[in-house]
C-alpha atoms as a PDB file:
ATOM      1  CA  MET A   1       0.000   0.000   0.000  1.00  0.00           C
ATOM      2  CA  ASN A   2       1.306   3.435  -0.925  1.00  0.00           C
ATOM      3  CA  ILE A   3       2.119   5.811   1.967  1.00  0.00           C
ATOM      4  CA  ARG A   4       0.314   8.641   0.174  1.00  0.00           C
ATOM      5  CA  THR A   5      -2.860   6.605  -0.043  1.00  0.00           C
ATOM      6  CA  PHE A   6      -2.801   5.703   3.638  1.00  0.00           C
ATOM      7  CA  GLY A   7      -0.885   8.563   5.297  1.00  0.00           C
ATOM      8  CA  LEU A   8      -2.851  11.561   4.034  1.00  0.00           C
ATOM      9  CA  PRO A   9      -6.291  10.363   5.198  1.00  0.00           C
ATOM     10  CA  MET A  10      -4.825   9.378   8.583  1.00  0.00           C
ATOM     11  CA  ALA A  11      -3.194  12.796   9.012  1.00  0.00           C
ATOM     12  CA  MET A  12      -6.453  14.552   8.116  1.00  0.00           C
ATOM     13  CA  ALA A  13      -8.414  12.431  10.585  1.00  0.00           C
ATOM     14  CA  ALA A  14      -5.932  13.214  13.374  1.00  0.00           C
ATOM     15  CA  PHE A  15      -6.105  16.940  12.592  1.00  0.00           C
ATOM     16  CA  LEU A  16      -9.904  16.948  12.670  1.00  0.00           C
ATOM     17  CA  ALA A  17      -9.967  15.029  15.947  1.00  0.00           C
ATOM     18  CA  LEU A  18      -7.590  17.492  17.614  1.00  0.00           C
ATOM     19  CA  SER A  19      -9.371  20.577  16.306  1.00  0.00           C
ATOM     20  CA  GLY A  20     -12.518  19.551  18.157  1.00  0.00           C
ATOM     21  CA  CYS A  21     -10.772  19.631  21.546  1.00  0.00           C
ATOM     22  CA  SER A  22     -10.715  23.385  22.092  1.00  0.00           C
ATOM     23  CA  THR A  23     -13.670  25.300  23.486  1.00  0.00           C
ATOM     24  CA  PRO A  24     -13.552  29.033  22.658  1.00  0.00           C
ATOM     25  CA  THR A  25     -14.589  30.897  25.802  1.00  0.00           C
ATOM     26  CA  VAL A  26     -15.427  34.515  26.664  1.00  0.00           C
ATOM     27  CA  VAL A  27     -14.364  35.773  30.104  1.00  0.00           C
ATOM     28  CA  THR A  28     -16.174  38.985  31.090  1.00  0.00           C
ATOM     29  CA  LEU A  29     -14.965  41.100  34.000  1.00  0.00           C
ATOM     30  CA  GLN A  30     -17.067  43.320  36.271  1.00  0.00           C
ATOM     31  CA  ASN A  31     -15.778  46.440  34.457  1.00  0.00           C
ATOM     32  CA  GLY A  32     -16.949  45.123  31.061  1.00  0.00           C
ATOM     33  CA  THR A  33     -13.561  43.977  29.760  1.00  0.00           C
ATOM     34  CA  GLN A  34     -13.847  40.761  27.746  1.00  0.00           C
ATOM     35  CA  TYR A  35     -11.159  38.208  27.004  1.00  0.00           C
ATOM     36  CA  LEU A  36     -11.503  35.564  24.298  1.00  0.00           C
ATOM     37  CA  THR A  37      -9.666  32.339  25.096  1.00  0.00           C
ATOM     38  CA  GLU A  38      -9.101  29.153  23.119  1.00  0.00           C
ATOM     39  CA  ASP A  39      -9.980  26.899  26.058  1.00  0.00           C
ATOM     40  CA  MET A  40     -11.925  27.087  29.293  1.00  0.00           C
ATOM     41  CA  PRO A  41      -9.828  28.904  31.943  1.00  0.00           C
ATOM     42  CA  LYS A  42      -8.322  26.970  34.807  1.00  0.00           C
ATOM     43  CA  THR A  43     -10.445  26.886  37.892  1.00  0.00           C
ATOM     44  CA  LYS A  44      -9.844  29.357  40.647  1.00  0.00           C
ATOM     45  CA  THR A  45      -6.435  28.908  42.257  1.00  0.00           C
ATOM     46  CA  LYS A  46      -5.786  28.732  45.998  1.00  0.00           C
ATOM     47  CA  ASP A  47      -4.903  32.428  46.064  1.00  0.00           C
ATOM     48  CA  GLY A  48      -8.258  33.391  44.481  1.00  0.00           C
ATOM     49  CA  PHE A  49      -7.253  34.035  40.863  1.00  0.00           C
ATOM     50  CA  PHE A  50      -8.293  32.727  37.454  1.00  0.00           C
ATOM     51  CA  GLU A  51      -5.395  32.113  35.070  1.00  0.00           C
ATOM     52  CA  PHE A  52      -5.769  31.783  31.299  1.00  0.00           C
ATOM     53  CA  GLU A  53      -4.180  32.648  27.971  1.00  0.00           C
ATOM     54  CA  ASP A  54      -6.103  34.893  25.566  1.00  0.00           C
ATOM     55  CA  ILE A  55      -6.182  34.281  21.813  1.00  0.00           C
ATOM     56  CA  SER A  56      -3.208  36.601  21.244  1.00  0.00           C
ATOM     57  CA  GLY A  57      -1.103  34.387  23.527  1.00  0.00           C
ATOM     58  CA  ALA A  58      -0.939  36.797  26.477  1.00  0.00           C
ATOM     59  CA  LYS A  59      -1.087  35.226  29.936  1.00  0.00           C
ATOM     60  CA  VAL A  60      -3.885  36.766  32.018  1.00  0.00           C
ATOM     61  CA  LYS A  61      -4.386  36.447  35.769  1.00  0.00           C
ATOM     62  CA  VAL A  62      -7.446  38.124  37.324  1.00  0.00           C
ATOM     63  CA  ARG A  63      -8.965  38.000  40.793  1.00  0.00           C
ATOM     64  CA  ALA A  64     -12.004  35.736  40.967  1.00  0.00           C
ATOM     65  CA  ASP A  65     -14.198  38.490  42.407  1.00  0.00           C
ATOM     66  CA  GLU A  66     -13.484  40.634  39.306  1.00  0.00           C
ATOM     67  CA  VAL A  67     -14.927  37.967  36.960  1.00  0.00           C
ATOM     68  CA  SER A  68     -18.551  38.475  36.014  1.00  0.00           C
ATOM     69  CA  THR A  69     -19.131  35.532  33.638  1.00  0.00           C
ATOM     70  CA  ILE A  70     -17.296  32.714  31.903  1.00  0.00           C
ATOM     71  CA  ARG A  71     -19.232  31.288  28.961  1.00  0.00           C
ATOM     72  CA  LYS A  72     -18.641  29.358  25.760  1.00  0.00           C
ATOM     73  CA  GLU A  73     -18.452  31.556  22.687  1.00  0.00           C
ATOM     74  CA  ASP A  74     -21.533  31.386  20.465  1.00  0.00           C
END
């Protein structure tokens, strides 16, 4: 069997399976600021903060009492 015949469909299937793993999420703060993330943020840490990475790759750490909502993007 030719590698092109077998390898390309397998690579496409793996790519499609991995692309379904992320859940775009919107984090809204009390002051109205919104952050779009690729995945659901980590749960609140022991020190009372949410930590996540926005879609531009910036690491964000906000106090839990500043967060208004965390919801999946429509």
